[in-house]
């Protein structure tokens, strides 16, 4: 509909049914276009391009935490190999946690795993404001414990067992946890830049990180928890012959 304003009055132009239908179709097309963003020749659902752009800018931090995680895992593995008794300290409290999980229903286990990973990952990001130290400690501790568990399980069940026990869900879960830590590290670096007198929009950076966490990381952690609860045990059972 087109309106003309003249001398304080509105003159409405008549429109036939065909024109109205065209306008309605045009409005629908505009709304559809708003829900899709074109970037680099690809169609991205609203918001996903922003997530992709954010993660691509996070590559240096992701690389740093991955290297730290791998080195921590190697350290945990070989230190436990040299000092087996040290595993008691590293795994302190895990036995009680395993007993708690074993008393739950499958749905409760899935939700427990999901919320445990989601809360810790969120804290790794948010507490990155403290100069990025907490995310680094988070990565080191988790890498070290994984190294300890890998050594102990490899001695008892072999590396194939470990691989099958981690890969189905770990291929999703571990990257999400490490990305969260990388986001926290980035926040810490930005805080240091701000203290050094460089302009950094920490508030906007934080908002972007929160958006990525709830839009991308949390759903993926939920998927990983479902796989860990319902699929990984089946894979292990088929391998060990208990199924």
Protein backbone atom coordinates (compact mmCIF):
# COMPACT_ATOMS: atom_id res chain seq x y z
CA UNK A 1 0.00 0.00 0.00
CA UNK A 2 1.36 3.38 -0.92
CA UNK A 3 0.32 6.57 0.84
CA UNK A 4 0.76 10.21 -0.23
CA UNK A 5 0.74 12.97 2.34
CA UNK A 6 -0.54 16.29 1.00
CA UNK A 7 -1.51 19.46 2.90
CA UNK A 8 -2.19 17.62 6.14
CA UNK A 9 -4.38 14.89 4.61
CA UNK A 10 -3.63 11.34 3.50
CA UNK A 11 -4.67 10.23 0.01
CA UNK A 12 -4.97 6.48 -0.22
CA UNK A 13 -4.27 4.88 -3.57
CA UNK A 14 -6.64 2.08 -4.57
CA UNK A 15 -5.08 -1.30 -5.06
CA UNK A 16 -6.55 -4.31 -6.81
CA UNK A 17 -6.43 -7.86 -5.45
CA UNK A 18 -3.46 -8.80 -7.65
CA UNK A 19 -1.34 -5.94 -6.27
CA UNK A 20 -2.21 -6.89 -2.69
CA UNK A 21 -1.19 -10.50 -3.34
CA UNK A 22 2.11 -9.32 -4.80
CA UNK A 23 2.81 -7.17 -1.76
CA UNK A 24 2.00 -10.05 0.60
CA UNK A 25 4.33 -12.32 -1.38
CA UNK A 26 7.03 -9.64 -1.33
CA UNK A 27 6.68 -9.27 2.45
CA UNK A 28 7.00 -13.05 2.88
CA UNK A 29 10.06 -13.08 0.67
CA UNK A 30 11.64 -10.29 2.72
CA UNK A 31 10.99 -12.17 5.96
CA UNK A 32 12.51 -15.32 4.48
CA UNK A 33 15.53 -13.34 3.36
CA UNK A 34 15.92 -11.89 6.84
CA UNK A 35 16.10 -15.40 8.27
CA UNK A 36 19.00 -16.28 6.02
CA UNK A 37 22.35 -14.54 5.67
CA UNK A 38 24.54 -14.97 2.64
CA UNK A 39 28.23 -15.21 3.42
CA UNK A 40 31.04 -16.43 1.19
CA UNK A 41 28.49 -17.79 -1.25
CA UNK A 42 26.84 -20.02 1.36
CA UNK A 43 23.46 -19.71 3.01
CA UNK A 44 23.71 -19.50 6.79
CA UNK A 45 20.77 -19.78 9.17
CA UNK A 46 20.31 -16.67 11.26
CA UNK A 47 22.93 -16.56 14.02
CA UNK A 48 25.03 -19.49 12.80
CA UNK A 49 27.22 -17.29 10.64
CA UNK A 50 27.95 -15.17 13.71
CA UNK A 51 28.93 -18.29 15.62
CA UNK A 52 31.19 -19.38 12.76
CA UNK A 53 32.84 -15.97 12.56
CA UNK A 54 33.40 -15.90 16.30
CA UNK A 55 34.98 -19.36 16.33
CA UNK A 56 37.20 -18.59 13.35
CA UNK A 57 38.55 -15.59 15.26
CA UNK A 58 39.19 -17.86 18.23
CA UNK A 59 41.64 -20.16 16.43
CA UNK A 60 44.80 -18.88 18.22
CA UNK A 61 43.23 -19.44 21.65
CA UNK A 62 41.79 -22.82 20.63
CA UNK A 63 45.20 -23.89 19.37
CA UNK A 64 46.81 -22.84 22.65
CA UNK A 65 44.37 -24.76 24.87
CA UNK A 66 44.54 -27.86 22.66
CA UNK A 67 48.33 -27.94 22.92
CA UNK A 68 48.12 -27.40 26.68
CA UNK A 69 45.50 -30.14 27.01
CA UNK A 70 47.59 -32.65 25.03
CA UNK A 71 50.77 -31.84 26.98
CA UNK A 72 48.88 -32.17 30.28
CA UNK A 73 47.50 -35.54 29.18
CA UNK A 74 50.95 -36.78 28.25
CA UNK A 75 52.30 -35.55 31.59
CA UNK A 76 49.50 -37.33 33.47
CA UNK A 77 50.09 -40.56 31.56
CA UNK A 78 53.84 -40.76 32.04
CA UNK A 79 53.89 -39.46 35.61
CA UNK A 80 51.37 -42.14 36.56
CA UNK A 81 53.45 -44.74 34.74
CA UNK A 82 56.47 -43.72 36.82
CA UNK A 83 54.54 -43.23 40.07
CA UNK A 84 51.38 -45.39 40.03
CA UNK A 85 50.52 -44.41 43.60
CA UNK A 86 50.07 -40.79 42.48
CA UNK A 87 46.85 -41.76 40.71
CA UNK A 88 45.09 -42.04 44.08
CA UNK A 89 45.47 -38.30 44.59
CA UNK A 90 44.57 -37.37 41.03
CA UNK A 91 41.42 -39.48 41.04
CA UNK A 92 40.37 -38.67 44.59
CA UNK A 93 36.60 -38.33 44.74
CA UNK A 94 35.94 -39.95 41.39
CA UNK A 95 35.01 -43.30 42.91
CA UNK A 96 32.21 -41.69 44.90
CA UNK A 97 31.04 -39.89 41.79
CA UNK A 98 30.96 -43.16 39.82
CA UNK A 99 28.91 -44.81 42.57
CA UNK A 100 26.46 -41.91 42.50
CA UNK A 101 26.05 -42.16 38.74
CA UNK A 102 25.54 -45.94 38.88
CA UNK A 103 22.54 -45.40 41.17
CA UNK A 104 20.79 -43.15 38.63
CA UNK A 105 18.41 -43.94 35.80
CA UNK A 106 19.74 -43.47 32.24
CA UNK A 107 17.86 -40.18 31.84
CA UNK A 108 19.23 -38.91 35.15
CA UNK A 109 22.73 -39.91 34.09
CA UNK A 110 22.39 -38.01 30.82
CA UNK A 111 21.15 -34.87 32.57
CA UNK A 112 23.84 -35.15 35.24
CA UNK A 113 26.60 -35.44 32.65
CA UNK A 114 25.12 -32.59 30.63
CA UNK A 115 24.75 -30.13 33.52
CA UNK A 116 28.13 -31.08 34.96
CA UNK A 117 29.89 -30.37 31.68
CA UNK A 118 27.77 -27.31 30.86
CA UNK A 119 28.29 -25.62 34.23
CA UNK A 120 32.04 -26.29 34.26
CA UNK A 121 32.40 -25.09 30.67
CA UNK A 122 30.41 -21.94 31.41
CA UNK A 123 32.58 -21.24 34.46
CA UNK A 124 35.72 -21.75 32.37
CA UNK A 125 34.46 -19.01 30.07
CA UNK A 126 33.07 -16.56 32.63
CA UNK A 127 35.97 -16.86 35.07
CA UNK A 128 38.32 -16.15 32.20
CA UNK A 129 37.78 -12.52 33.18
CA UNK A 130 40.34 -13.20 35.89
CA UNK A 131 43.24 -12.82 33.44
CA UNK A 132 42.50 -16.17 31.82
CA UNK A 133 44.04 -18.20 34.65
CA UNK A 134 41.00 -20.33 35.52
CA UNK A 135 40.50 -21.61 31.94
CA UNK A 136 44.16 -22.60 31.79
CA UNK A 137 43.96 -24.45 35.11
CA UNK A 138 40.73 -26.08 33.92
CA UNK A 139 42.43 -27.39 30.78
CA UNK A 140 45.54 -28.56 32.63
CA UNK A 141 43.60 -30.44 35.32
CA UNK A 142 41.26 -32.15 32.86
CA UNK A 143 44.10 -33.09 30.54
CA UNK A 144 46.15 -34.48 33.41
CA UNK A 145 43.25 -36.57 34.77
CA UNK A 146 42.53 -37.93 31.30
CA UNK A 147 46.18 -38.94 31.04
CA UNK A 148 45.99 -40.72 34.40
CA UNK A 149 42.80 -42.58 33.48
CA UNK A 150 44.24 -43.50 30.08
CA UNK A 151 47.29 -45.10 31.68
CA UNK A 152 45.31 -47.04 34.27
CA UNK A 153 42.71 -48.30 31.81
CA UNK A 154 45.33 -49.16 29.19
CA UNK A 155 47.07 -51.41 31.68
CA UNK A 156 43.85 -53.21 32.50
CA UNK A 157 41.85 -53.21 29.26
CA UNK A 158 44.11 -51.94 26.46
CA UNK A 159 44.06 -48.84 24.26
CA UNK A 160 41.24 -50.06 22.02
CA UNK A 161 38.93 -50.17 25.01
CA UNK A 162 39.88 -46.60 25.91
CA UNK A 163 39.38 -45.39 22.37
CA UNK A 164 35.93 -46.96 22.11
CA UNK A 165 35.02 -45.59 25.53
CA UNK A 166 35.93 -42.03 24.66
CA UNK A 167 35.47 -41.52 20.93
CA UNK A 168 31.67 -41.79 20.48
CA UNK A 169 30.88 -38.86 22.76
CA UNK A 170 34.35 -37.40 23.24
CA UNK A 171 34.59 -36.31 19.62
CA UNK A 172 31.87 -33.79 20.48
CA UNK A 173 32.33 -33.24 24.19
CA UNK A 174 36.06 -32.51 24.29
CA UNK A 175 36.02 -29.85 21.53
CA UNK A 176 33.11 -28.06 23.26
CA UNK A 177 34.94 -28.04 26.59
CA UNK A 178 38.16 -26.81 25.00
CA UNK A 179 36.34 -24.12 23.01
CA UNK A 180 34.78 -22.87 26.25
CA UNK A 181 38.22 -22.67 27.82
CA UNK A 182 39.55 -20.87 24.74
CA UNK A 183 36.72 -18.34 25.05
CA UNK A 184 37.69 -17.77 28.67
CA UNK A 185 41.34 -17.38 27.70
CA UNK A 186 40.33 -14.80 25.11
CA UNK A 187 38.38 -12.88 27.75
CA UNK A 188 41.44 -12.88 30.01
CA UNK A 189 43.68 -11.62 27.21
CA UNK A 190 41.22 -8.81 26.49
CA UNK A 191 41.20 -7.82 30.17
CA UNK A 192 45.00 -7.62 30.09
CA UNK A 193 44.84 -5.51 26.93
CA UNK A 194 42.39 -3.15 28.60
CA UNK A 195 44.65 -2.82 31.65
CA UNK A 196 47.53 -2.02 29.29
CA UNK A 197 45.56 0.94 27.95
CA UNK A 198 44.36 -0.61 24.68
CA UNK A 199 40.73 -0.21 23.69
CA UNK A 200 38.82 -3.47 24.00
CA UNK A 201 35.03 -3.79 24.10
CA UNK A 202 34.94 -6.39 26.85
CA UNK A 203 31.17 -6.11 27.28
CA UNK A 204 30.54 -6.88 23.60
CA UNK A 205 33.09 -9.70 23.67
CA UNK A 206 31.34 -11.20 26.69
CA UNK A 207 27.92 -10.95 25.01
CA UNK A 208 29.26 -12.69 21.90
CA UNK A 209 30.75 -15.47 24.01
CA UNK A 210 27.51 -16.01 25.92
CA UNK A 211 25.60 -16.14 22.65
CA UNK A 212 27.96 -18.77 21.24
CA UNK A 213 27.82 -20.79 24.45
CA UNK A 214 24.03 -21.03 24.64
CA UNK A 215 23.42 -21.21 20.90
CA UNK A 216 26.14 -23.72 20.00
CA UNK A 217 28.10 -25.22 22.87
CA UNK A 218 25.22 -26.20 25.18
CA UNK A 219 23.22 -28.06 22.50
CA UNK A 220 26.34 -29.94 21.48
CA UNK A 221 27.09 -30.87 25.10
CA UNK A 222 23.54 -32.18 25.43
CA UNK A 223 24.05 -34.30 22.32
CA UNK A 224 27.36 -35.60 23.71
CA UNK A 225 25.70 -36.48 27.03
CA UNK A 226 23.04 -38.45 25.19
CA UNK A 227 25.65 -40.37 23.21
CA UNK A 228 27.71 -41.03 26.34
CA UNK A 229 24.66 -42.40 28.15
CA UNK A 230 22.95 -44.44 25.46
CA UNK A 231 25.52 -45.23 22.75
CA UNK A 232 28.99 -45.44 24.29
CA UNK A 233 27.97 -48.25 26.73
CA UNK A 234 26.59 -50.23 23.79
CA UNK A 235 29.85 -49.81 21.87
CA UNK A 236 31.82 -50.96 24.91
CA UNK A 237 29.43 -53.86 25.48
CA UNK A 238 29.78 -55.06 21.91
CA UNK A 239 33.55 -54.89 22.16
CA UNK A 240 33.77 -56.74 25.47
CA UNK A 241 31.11 -59.26 24.51
CA UNK A 242 28.76 -58.35 27.34
CA UNK A 243 26.00 -57.50 24.86
